[in-house]
Amino acid sequence: MLPDGMTRRDLGWAITGILGVFFAAMISMNVVVTALPVIVSELHGTQIQYSWVVTATLLANASSTPVWGKLADMMSKKTLFQVANVIFFLSSLTAGFAPNMETLIGARFVQGIGLGGLTALAMAILASIVSPRERGRYAGYFGACLATATALGPLVGGITVDTLGWRWCFFVGVPLSLMALVLVGFTLRVPVLEVRGRIDYLGALVLVLTSGALLIWLSFAGTPEFFDWISWESAVLLALAMVLLVFFVMIERRVSNPIIQLRMLVSRTTLLAALSSASIAVCLFGMPAFLGQYFQIGRGLSPTESGMMILPLVLGNLIGTMTTGRLITRYGRWKPYIVVGSLILTCGMFGLATVDSGTPFWFVLTVLVVVGLGFGAQMQNLMLAVQNTVQVTRVGQASALIAFFRVFGGASGTAILGSVMAMQVVGVSVAEVNGTAPSATYADASGTMFLVAACLTLPAVVLNLLIKEVPLRTTI
């Protein structure tokens, strides 16, 4: 059953447009992976700034996602999707023309706001026009799109850096963004279920401040340039984050239209899926950036070669996502795939923790396939499990909630891994070693960093086992 005035052909073109800009958004996240060493070197950045080019985007993405989700349940999802697309378009241009690291990080922060809207609204729109049982197939398309973008992002970034220059990395998504504006504008018909009430601006602001305080602490604590894990600076940031969190909960309990419906977290499926999404997110957001650093700086490969080395990760992701998506649509079961996927992912991550400056490339590539398989079996299916438990009037908030935990988990993981790398390579700057001989310091430090990443994925195994499987609905 489709929305009024929308044909199967319209659905196909609308999904194509949404997938196009979703692809552009994801490729913009990953195109910078192989370009980062060159960017940071040319703009004279630091190791902390290296990770914050990624972290700033994830912070804005995570903080804005619940806001977009709430707005999606109050007004037109189509209009909001187009607004997020325009924000993404303009911030991409700004990042491409950035004269220094500060401007680049700021542009990436704004880009993250657009990305938060595009990712949350894409899934909310899909949930508004396709039933959960049929959605498994379409969710597979989104997962495949994500996997392809993850694959092409580093590769396109490497080729672009080696030919046109790193600034063009931020322009690659612009044509797809413009195409999506046209396709979505003419073909998409989404039911508008308007909810009266004021938008919780104060709650949104406090959420951003809380997330920012935690990410700043995770990024800077334990690094020689800033402060120790146990220090007055750490105490102040943690105390600030806790006070803001309490304040946020008080706000959300009192307002009529909260940014995050805290009652949703009472649901066992929603809470466990949200925490599991945060646990595995480090593989989506943190891994590609640090794999690029390992291959380029640690092993001496060019940006293009580094991009090609990440392809096995995406191949595994693609196979895992497409296979489980089709099996779910056919049989209606989803829990076995997320449980097995979490076990495969964690085993692969611990295998990756053994890499150093002398590890054979064939071994690294094989492990990356395993990691991709495990991740692909979980990501979209956790979102599907939660959407299946809520009414269509709250699907925007449900999608945004999982997206928030996913992105915040990825941002936190990236910040932690960035701090681990900074501690391991103290005294050796990216600018000094990039483009020279392979740095054994960076290669060996990557193994320690991947070990920390492996530990971060462990909770997902237990959480997925505890999730109760609910049969998928056949109606929207």
Protein backbone atom coordinates (compact mmCIF):
# COMPACT_ATOMS: atom_id res chain seq x y z
CA MET A 1 0.00 0.00 0.00
CA LEU A 2 1.48 3.32 -1.12
CA PRO A 3 0.65 6.88 -0.02
CA ASP A 4 -2.15 8.60 -1.93
CA GLY A 5 -1.07 9.99 -5.30
CA MET A 6 2.12 7.91 -5.41
CA THR A 7 2.63 5.10 -7.94
CA ARG A 8 5.16 2.28 -7.93
CA ARG A 9 7.12 4.21 -10.52
CA ASP A 10 7.10 7.30 -8.30
CA LEU A 11 8.29 5.15 -5.40
CA GLY A 12 11.19 3.87 -7.48
CA TRP A 13 12.29 7.34 -8.56
CA ALA A 14 11.84 8.77 -5.06
CA ILE A 15 13.93 5.98 -3.52
CA THR A 16 16.53 6.61 -6.23
CA GLY A 17 16.71 10.29 -5.30
CA ILE A 18 16.92 9.55 -1.59
CA LEU A 19 19.59 6.91 -2.18
CA GLY A 20 21.48 9.38 -4.38
CA VAL A 21 21.84 12.05 -1.73
CA PHE A 22 22.29 9.38 0.98
CA PHE A 23 25.17 8.08 -1.12
CA ALA A 24 26.56 11.61 -1.48
CA ALA A 25 26.31 12.14 2.28
CA MET A 26 28.07 8.89 3.10
CA ILE A 27 30.76 9.36 0.46
CA SER A 28 31.47 12.83 1.88
CA MET A 29 32.02 11.17 5.24
CA ASN A 30 34.47 8.66 3.80
CA VAL A 31 36.12 10.56 0.94
CA VAL A 32 38.19 12.44 3.48
CA VAL A 33 39.67 9.22 4.89
CA THR A 34 42.57 8.89 2.45
CA ALA A 35 42.85 12.65 2.02
CA LEU A 36 43.29 13.43 5.73
CA PRO A 37 47.05 12.84 5.96
CA VAL A 38 47.59 15.19 2.99
CA ILE A 39 45.07 17.78 4.26
CA VAL A 40 46.53 17.89 7.76
CA SER A 41 50.04 18.09 6.33
CA GLU A 42 49.25 20.99 3.96
CA LEU A 43 47.21 22.92 6.53
CA HIS A 44 49.80 22.23 9.28
CA GLY A 45 47.37 20.44 11.58
CA THR A 46 47.96 18.22 14.63
CA GLN A 47 47.01 14.63 15.45
CA ILE A 48 44.07 15.89 17.52
CA GLN A 49 42.89 18.07 14.62
CA TYR A 50 43.28 15.00 12.39
CA SER A 51 40.65 13.12 14.37
CA TRP A 52 38.47 16.20 14.86
CA VAL A 53 37.95 16.63 11.11
CA VAL A 54 35.93 13.43 11.52
CA THR A 55 34.74 13.98 15.11
CA ALA A 56 33.29 17.45 14.46
CA THR A 57 31.08 16.02 11.72
CA LEU A 58 29.98 13.16 13.94
CA LEU A 59 29.26 15.49 16.89
CA ALA A 60 26.99 17.70 14.79
CA ASN A 61 25.45 14.62 13.19
CA ALA A 62 24.69 13.00 16.53
CA SER A 63 23.40 16.16 18.21
CA SER A 64 21.16 17.24 15.34
CA THR A 65 19.71 13.82 14.51
CA PRO A 66 17.13 13.76 17.37
CA VAL A 67 16.04 17.29 16.38
CA TRP A 68 15.50 16.23 12.77
CA GLY A 69 13.65 13.13 13.96
CA LYS A 70 11.32 15.12 16.19
CA LEU A 71 10.64 17.64 13.42
CA ALA A 72 9.87 14.73 11.08
CA ASP A 73 6.99 13.72 13.35
CA MET A 74 5.67 17.30 13.49
CA MET A 75 5.82 18.49 9.86
CA SER A 76 6.59 17.45 6.29
CA LYS A 77 9.42 14.89 6.07
CA LYS A 78 9.88 15.77 2.41
CA THR A 79 10.44 19.48 3.12
CA LEU A 80 12.85 18.72 5.96
CA PHE A 81 14.77 16.32 3.74
CA GLN A 82 15.20 19.05 1.12
CA VAL A 83 16.36 21.56 3.78
CA ALA A 84 18.95 19.09 5.09
CA ASN A 85 20.10 18.54 1.51
CA VAL A 86 20.67 22.28 0.98
CA ILE A 87 22.67 22.52 4.24
CA PHE A 88 24.82 19.63 3.09
CA PHE A 89 25.33 21.23 -0.32
CA LEU A 90 26.47 24.63 1.02
CA SER A 91 28.74 23.21 3.75
CA SER A 92 30.44 20.92 1.22
CA LEU A 93 31.41 23.95 -0.85
CA THR A 94 32.70 25.76 2.26
CA ALA A 95 34.85 22.78 3.29
CA GLY A 96 36.34 22.61 -0.18
CA PHE A 97 37.49 26.24 -0.01
CA ALA A 98 38.74 26.10 3.63
CA PRO A 99 42.03 28.05 4.08
CA ASN A 100 42.98 26.45 7.42
CA MET A 101 42.17 23.59 9.78
CA GLU A 102 39.86 25.68 11.95
CA THR A 103 37.65 26.64 8.99
CA LEU A 104 37.66 23.08 7.71
CA ILE A 105 36.57 21.67 11.08
CA GLY A 106 33.85 24.34 11.33
CA ALA A 107 32.55 23.55 7.84
CA ARG A 108 32.57 19.85 8.65
CA PHE A 109 30.53 20.59 11.79
CA VAL A 110 27.84 22.31 9.69
CA GLN A 111 28.05 19.48 7.19
CA GLY A 112 27.32 17.11 10.04
CA ILE A 113 24.04 18.94 10.72
CA GLY A 114 22.98 18.29 7.13
CA LEU A 115 24.15 14.69 7.35
CA GLY A 116 22.11 14.19 10.53
CA GLY A 117 19.00 15.26 8.69
CA LEU A 118 19.68 13.23 5.56
CA THR A 119 20.40 9.96 7.38
CA ALA A 120 17.54 10.22 9.91
CA LEU A 121 14.95 11.48 7.42
CA ALA A 122 15.89 8.93 4.76
CA MET A 123 15.00 6.08 7.11
CA ALA A 124 11.94 7.91 8.49
CA ILE A 125 10.60 8.50 4.97
CA LEU A 126 11.18 4.86 4.07
CA ALA A 127 9.31 3.78 7.18
CA SER A 128 6.38 6.04 6.21
CA ILE A 129 5.87 4.54 2.75
CA VAL A 130 6.98 0.88 3.06
CA SER A 131 5.83 -1.79 5.57
CA PRO A 132 8.41 -3.34 7.97
CA ARG A 133 8.21 -6.76 6.24
CA GLU A 134 8.96 -5.23 2.82
CA ARG A 135 11.36 -2.75 4.36
CA GLY A 136 14.03 -5.40 4.87
CA ARG A 137 14.70 -5.39 1.12
CA TYR A 138 14.83 -1.60 0.89
CA ALA A 139 16.95 -1.40 4.03
CA GLY A 140 19.31 -3.72 2.20
CA TYR A 141 19.50 -1.18 -0.62
CA PHE A 142 20.41 1.54 1.87
CA GLY A 143 22.99 -0.75 3.44
CA ALA A 144 24.41 -1.55 0.02
CA CYS A 145 24.48 2.15 -0.80
CA LEU A 146 26.36 2.80 2.43
CA ALA A 147 28.77 -0.03 1.70
CA THR A 148 29.43 1.23 -1.83
CA ALA A 149 29.96 4.78 -0.58
CA THR A 150 32.34 3.45 2.04
CA ALA A 151 34.22 1.66 -0.71
CA LEU A 152 34.29 4.46 -3.24
CA GLY A 153 34.87 7.20 -0.67
CA PRO A 154 38.47 6.34 0.25
CA LEU A 155 39.25 5.31 -3.32
CA VAL A 156 37.75 8.46 -4.86
CA GLY A 157 39.52 10.49 -2.19
CA GLY A 158 42.85 8.88 -2.98
CA ILE A 159 42.50 9.35 -6.74
CA THR A 160 41.32 12.93 -6.27
CA VAL A 161 44.23 13.81 -3.99
CA ASP A 162 46.72 12.29 -6.43
CA THR A 163 45.22 14.14 -9.43
CA LEU A 164 43.01 17.18 -8.79
CA GLY A 165 44.00 17.92 -5.19
CA TRP A 166 42.33 17.34 -1.82
CA ARG A 167 39.90 20.29 -2.08
CA TRP A 168 37.97 18.48 -4.80
CA CYS A 169 37.19 15.72 -2.30
CA PHE A 170 34.48 17.93 -0.83
CA PHE A 171 32.91 18.74 -4.19
CA VAL A 172 32.18 15.15 -5.30
CA GLY A 173 28.79 14.97 -3.60
CA VAL A 174 27.49 18.26 -5.01
CA PRO A 175 26.06 16.85 -8.32
CA LEU A 176 24.24 14.04 -6.50
CA SER A 177 22.84 16.55 -4.02
CA LEU A 178 21.40 18.64 -6.84
CA MET A 179 19.99 15.53 -8.56
CA ALA A 180 18.24 14.47 -5.35
CA LEU A 181 16.65 17.90 -4.94
CA VAL A 182 14.96 17.46 -8.33
CA LEU A 183 13.95 13.78 -8.06
CA VAL A 184 12.61 14.00 -4.52
CA GLY A 185 10.83 17.27 -5.29
CA PHE A 186 8.87 15.83 -8.22
CA THR A 187 8.19 12.21 -7.21
CA LEU A 188 8.05 11.81 -3.42
CA ARG A 189 4.65 11.83 -1.69
CA VAL A 190 4.86 11.32 2.07
CA PRO A 191 1.83 11.53 4.40
CA VAL A 192 2.14 14.61 6.61
CA LEU A 193 1.06 13.77 10.16
CA GLU A 194 1.35 17.21 11.71
CA VAL A 195 1.60 17.41 15.49
CA ARG A 196 0.82 20.69 17.17
CA GLY A 197 3.20 22.08 19.76
CA ARG A 198 6.39 24.03 20.22
CA ILE A 199 9.77 22.64 19.24
CA ASP A 200 12.00 21.85 22.20
CA TYR A 201 14.82 24.25 21.32
CA LEU A 202 16.22 24.33 24.86
CA GLY A 203 16.42 20.54 25.00
CA ALA A 204 18.19 20.50 21.62
CA LEU A 205 20.76 23.07 22.82
CA VAL A 206 21.45 21.20 26.05
CA LEU A 207 21.84 17.95 24.10
CA VAL A 208 24.47 19.56 21.86
CA LEU A 209 26.35 20.95 24.87
CA THR A 210 26.25 17.60 26.70
CA SER A 211 27.53 15.70 23.67
CA GLY A 212 30.22 18.31 23.06
CA ALA A 213 31.52 18.20 26.63
CA LEU A 214 31.83 14.41 26.53
CA LEU A 215 33.54 14.36 23.13
CA ILE A 216 35.99 17.11 24.10
CA TRP A 217 36.94 15.10 27.17
CA LEU A 218 37.33 11.87 25.21
CA SER A 219 39.43 13.64 22.56
CA PHE A 220 41.82 15.63 24.75
CA ALA A 221 42.18 13.57 27.95
CA GLY A 222 45.38 11.58 28.21
CA THR A 223 47.21 13.48 25.46
CA PRO A 224 50.53 15.20 26.27
CA GLU A 225 49.43 18.46 24.59
CA PHE A 226 46.40 18.88 26.86
CA PHE A 227 45.65 17.10 30.15
CA ASP A 228 45.74 13.71 31.91
CA TRP A 229 42.78 11.37 32.35
CA ILE A 230 42.91 12.10 36.07
CA SER A 231 43.17 15.87 36.35
CA TRP A 232 41.11 18.89 37.30
CA GLU A 233 40.34 19.52 33.62
CA SER A 234 38.88 16.02 33.28
CA ALA A 235 36.89 16.49 36.48
CA VAL A 236 35.42 19.79 35.26
CA LEU A 237 34.41 18.42 31.86
CA LEU A 238 32.85 15.26 33.32
CA ALA A 239 31.01 17.23 36.01
CA LEU A 240 29.73 19.64 33.36
CA ALA A 241 28.54 16.76 31.18
CA MET A 242 26.74 15.08 34.09
CA VAL A 243 25.01 18.31 35.17
CA LEU A 244 23.93 18.99 31.60
CA LEU A 245 22.65 15.43 31.25
CA VAL A 246 20.52 15.74 34.38
CA PHE A 247 19.25 19.11 33.15
CA PHE A 248 18.40 17.55 29.77
CA VAL A 249 16.40 14.74 31.40
CA MET A 250 14.48 17.26 33.51
CA ILE A 251 13.65 19.31 30.41
CA GLU A 252 12.51 16.30 28.40
CA ARG A 253 10.22 15.12 31.20
CA ARG A 254 8.45 18.48 31.42
CA VAL A 255 7.98 19.65 27.82
CA SER A 256 5.01 18.53 25.73
CA ASN A 257 7.08 17.76 22.61
CA PRO A 258 10.49 16.53 23.82
CA ILE A 259 13.38 16.07 21.42
CA ILE A 260 13.82 12.52 22.73
CA GLN A 261 10.86 10.59 24.09
CA LEU A 262 12.50 9.10 27.17
CA ARG A 263 9.65 6.59 27.41
CA MET A 264 10.94 5.00 24.22
CA LEU A 265 14.04 3.87 26.10
CA VAL A 266 11.82 1.84 28.43
CA SER A 267 11.28 -0.55 25.53
CA ARG A 268 13.73 -3.43 25.85
CA THR A 269 14.22 -3.72 22.10
CA THR A 270 14.82 0.01 21.63
CA LEU A 271 17.25 0.37 24.53
CA LEU A 272 19.34 -2.70 23.68
CA ALA A 273 19.37 -1.91 19.95
CA ALA A 274 20.44 1.68 20.67
CA LEU A 275 23.32 0.59 22.89
CA SER A 276 24.37 -2.11 20.42
CA SER A 277 24.35 0.43 17.59
CA ALA A 278 26.65 2.67 19.61
CA SER A 279 28.99 -0.26 20.29
CA ILE A 280 29.49 -1.27 16.66
CA ALA A 281 29.50 2.28 15.26
CA VAL A 282 33.24 2.67 15.75
CA CYS A 283 33.67 0.34 12.76
CA LEU A 284 31.60 2.61 10.53
CA PHE A 285 32.96 6.00 11.53
CA GLY A 286 36.37 5.48 13.13
CA MET A 287 37.88 2.53 11.31
CA PRO A 288 38.20 3.94 7.76
CA ALA A 289 40.00 7.09 8.91
CA PHE A 290 42.57 5.21 10.97
CA LEU A 291 42.97 2.47 8.37
CA GLY A 292 43.92 5.22 5.92
CA GLN A 293 46.50 6.48 8.40
CA TYR A 294 47.86 2.97 8.91
CA PHE A 295 48.25 2.24 5.19
CA GLN A 296 49.62 5.65 4.18
CA ILE A 297 51.79 6.75 7.08
CA GLY A 298 52.51 3.38 8.67
CA ARG A 299 53.05 1.33 5.50
CA GLY A 300 54.02 4.03 2.97
CA LEU A 301 51.20 3.55 0.44
CA SER A 302 49.85 6.37 -1.73
CA PRO A 303 46.33 7.78 -1.10
CA THR A 304 44.97 5.84 -4.09
CA GLU A 305 46.58 2.59 -2.96
CA SER A 306 45.30 3.20 0.56
CA GLY A 307 41.76 3.64 -0.77
CA MET A 308 41.98 0.35 -2.63
CA MET A 309 43.18 -1.45 0.50
CA ILE A 310 39.93 -0.52 2.29
CA LEU A 311 37.79 -2.15 -0.43
CA PRO A 312 37.68 -5.58 1.30
CA LEU A 313 36.04 -3.98 4.35
CA VAL A 314 33.30 -2.66 2.10
CA LEU A 315 32.98 -5.90 0.14
CA GLY A 316 32.23 -7.77 3.36
CA ASN A 317 29.82 -5.03 4.42
CA LEU A 318 28.00 -5.22 1.09
CA ILE A 319 27.64 -9.01 1.23
CA GLY A 320 26.46 -8.96 4.85
CA THR A 321 23.91 -6.19 4.30
CA MET A 322 22.38 -7.43 1.05
CA THR A 323 22.24 -11.08 2.11
CA THR A 324 20.60 -10.50 5.49
CA GLY A 325 18.20 -7.91 4.04
CA ARG A 326 16.81 -10.37 1.49
CA LEU A 327 16.65 -13.22 4.02
CA ILE A 328 14.70 -11.03 6.44
CA THR A 329 12.18 -10.07 3.75
CA ARG A 330 11.72 -13.73 2.78
CA TYR A 331 11.52 -15.35 6.23
CA GLY A 332 10.66 -12.48 8.59
CA ARG A 333 13.42 -13.33 11.10
CA TRP A 334 16.09 -10.80 12.07
CA LYS A 335 17.64 -11.67 15.44
CA PRO A 336 19.88 -14.57 14.27
CA TYR A 337 21.66 -12.25 11.85
CA ILE A 338 22.52 -9.55 14.39
CA VAL A 339 23.74 -12.14 16.92
CA VAL A 340 25.98 -13.97 14.46
CA GLY A 341 27.06 -10.65 12.97
CA SER A 342 28.23 -9.33 16.35
CA LEU A 343 30.33 -12.45 16.95
CA ILE A 344 31.94 -12.23 13.50
CA LEU A 345 32.63 -8.52 13.91
CA THR A 346 34.33 -8.86 17.29
CA CYS A 347 36.49 -11.79 16.14
CA GLY A 348 37.56 -9.80 13.10
CA MET A 349 38.41 -6.75 15.18
CA PHE A 350 40.66 -8.75 17.50
CA GLY A 351 42.37 -10.16 14.42
CA LEU A 352 42.98 -6.61 13.21
CA ALA A 353 44.53 -5.76 16.58
CA THR A 354 47.55 -7.92 15.67
CA VAL A 355 48.75 -5.69 12.80
CA ASP A 356 52.08 -3.88 12.88
CA SER A 357 54.72 -2.61 10.46
CA GLY A 358 55.49 -6.11 9.17
CA THR A 359 52.03 -7.68 8.88
CA PRO A 360 51.43 -9.23 5.42
CA PHE A 361 48.89 -7.26 3.43
CA TRP A 362 46.92 -10.40 2.53
CA PHE A 363 46.23 -11.00 6.21
CA VAL A 364 45.01 -7.43 6.80
CA LEU A 365 42.72 -7.61 3.74
CA THR A 366 41.26 -10.96 4.82
CA VAL A 367 40.48 -9.65 8.29
CA LEU A 368 38.84 -6.56 6.80
CA VAL A 369 36.42 -8.77 4.84
CA VAL A 370 35.45 -10.53 8.09
CA VAL A 371 34.93 -7.21 9.89
CA GLY A 372 32.75 -5.96 7.04
CA LEU A 373 30.60 -9.11 7.07
CA GLY A 374 29.93 -8.78 10.79
CA PHE A 375 29.09 -5.12 10.62
CA GLY A 376 26.86 -5.43 7.56
CA ALA A 377 24.70 -8.06 9.27
CA GLN A 378 23.84 -5.70 12.11
CA MET A 379 23.66 -2.02 11.23
CA GLN A 380 20.42 -1.65 9.24
CA ASN A 381 18.78 -4.61 10.95
CA LEU A 382 19.03 -2.99 14.38
CA MET A 383 17.24 0.05 12.96
CA LEU A 384 14.58 -2.19 11.41
CA ALA A 385 13.99 -3.97 14.74
CA VAL A 386 13.24 -0.68 16.50
CA GLN A 387 11.06 0.78 13.73
CA ASN A 388 8.97 -2.39 13.93
CA THR A 389 8.04 -1.64 17.57
CA VAL A 390 6.64 1.91 17.14
CA GLN A 391 3.66 3.50 15.43
CA VAL A 392 4.16 5.44 12.21
CA THR A 393 3.51 8.69 14.12
CA ARG A 394 6.72 8.13 16.07
CA VAL A 395 8.88 6.49 13.44
CA GLY A 396 10.87 9.70 12.96
CA GLN A 397 11.89 9.84 16.60
CA ALA A 398 12.60 6.10 16.71
CA SER A 399 14.84 6.29 13.63
CA ALA A 400 16.57 9.39 14.96
CA LEU A 401 17.13 7.81 18.36
CA ILE A 402 18.99 4.84 16.89
CA ALA A 403 20.86 7.13 14.51
CA PHE A 404 21.84 9.34 17.47
CA PHE A 405 23.30 6.43 19.45
CA ARG A 406 24.99 5.13 16.32
CA VAL A 407 26.62 8.43 15.46
CA PHE A 408 27.45 9.40 19.05
CA GLY A 409 28.98 5.96 19.56
CA GLY A 410 31.00 6.46 16.40
CA ALA A 411 32.06 9.97 17.45
CA SER A 412 33.04 8.78 20.91
CA GLY A 413 34.93 5.83 19.47
CA THR A 414 36.75 8.05 16.99
CA ALA A 415 37.69 10.48 19.75
CA ILE A 416 38.96 7.64 21.95
CA LEU A 417 40.95 6.07 19.13
CA GLY A 418 42.37 9.48 18.23
CA SER A 419 43.56 9.93 21.82
CA VAL A 420 45.09 6.44 21.84
CA MET A 421 47.00 7.21 18.64
CA ALA A 422 48.11 10.59 19.98
CA MET A 423 49.56 8.94 23.08
CA GLN A 424 51.31 6.26 21.00
CA VAL A 425 52.94 8.65 18.50
CA VAL A 426 53.81 11.50 20.86
CA GLY A 427 56.61 13.62 19.38
CA VAL A 428 55.97 12.45 15.82
CA SER A 429 53.67 14.74 13.77
CA VAL A 430 51.63 13.78 10.72
CA ALA A 431 53.20 16.58 8.71
CA GLU A 432 56.73 15.30 9.42
CA VAL A 433 56.21 11.68 8.39
CA ASN A 434 53.51 11.87 5.70
CA GLY A 435 54.97 11.48 2.22
CA THR A 436 58.31 10.22 3.54
CA ALA A 437 59.44 6.67 4.37
CA PRO A 438 56.95 4.37 6.16
CA SER A 439 56.72 5.13 9.87
CA ALA A 440 57.02 2.02 12.04
CA THR A 441 55.83 4.12 14.97
CA TYR A 442 52.46 4.76 13.32
CA ALA A 443 52.12 1.18 12.06
CA ASP A 444 52.83 -0.40 15.44
CA ALA A 445 50.62 2.13 17.25
CA SER A 446 47.74 1.16 14.96
CA GLY A 447 47.69 -2.36 16.42
CA THR A 448 47.17 -0.98 19.93
CA MET A 449 44.50 1.37 18.64
CA PHE A 450 42.64 -1.47 16.86
CA LEU A 451 42.78 -3.52 20.09
CA VAL A 452 40.92 -0.72 21.87
CA ALA A 453 38.43 -0.63 18.97
CA ALA A 454 37.89 -4.40 19.32
CA CYS A 455 37.07 -4.00 23.01
CA LEU A 456 34.53 -1.31 22.14
CA THR A 457 32.58 -3.80 19.98
CA LEU A 458 32.38 -6.50 22.67
CA PRO A 459 29.19 -5.19 24.38
CA ALA A 460 27.22 -5.66 21.15
CA VAL A 461 27.55 -9.46 21.46
CA VAL A 462 25.75 -9.53 24.82
CA LEU A 463 23.25 -6.82 23.91
CA ASN A 464 22.15 -8.57 20.71
CA LEU A 465 21.67 -11.83 22.57
CA LEU A 466 19.34 -10.08 25.04
CA ILE A 467 17.14 -8.43 22.41
CA LYS A 468 13.70 -10.06 22.14
CA GLU A 469 12.67 -10.84 18.58
CA VAL A 470 9.28 -9.39 17.60
CA PRO A 471 7.65 -10.58 14.33
CA LEU A 472 7.82 -7.96 11.58
CA ARG A 473 4.56 -6.18 10.70
CA THR A 474 3.18 -6.43 7.17
CA THR A 475 1.49 -2.99 7.41
CA ILE A 476 2.96 0.50 7.67
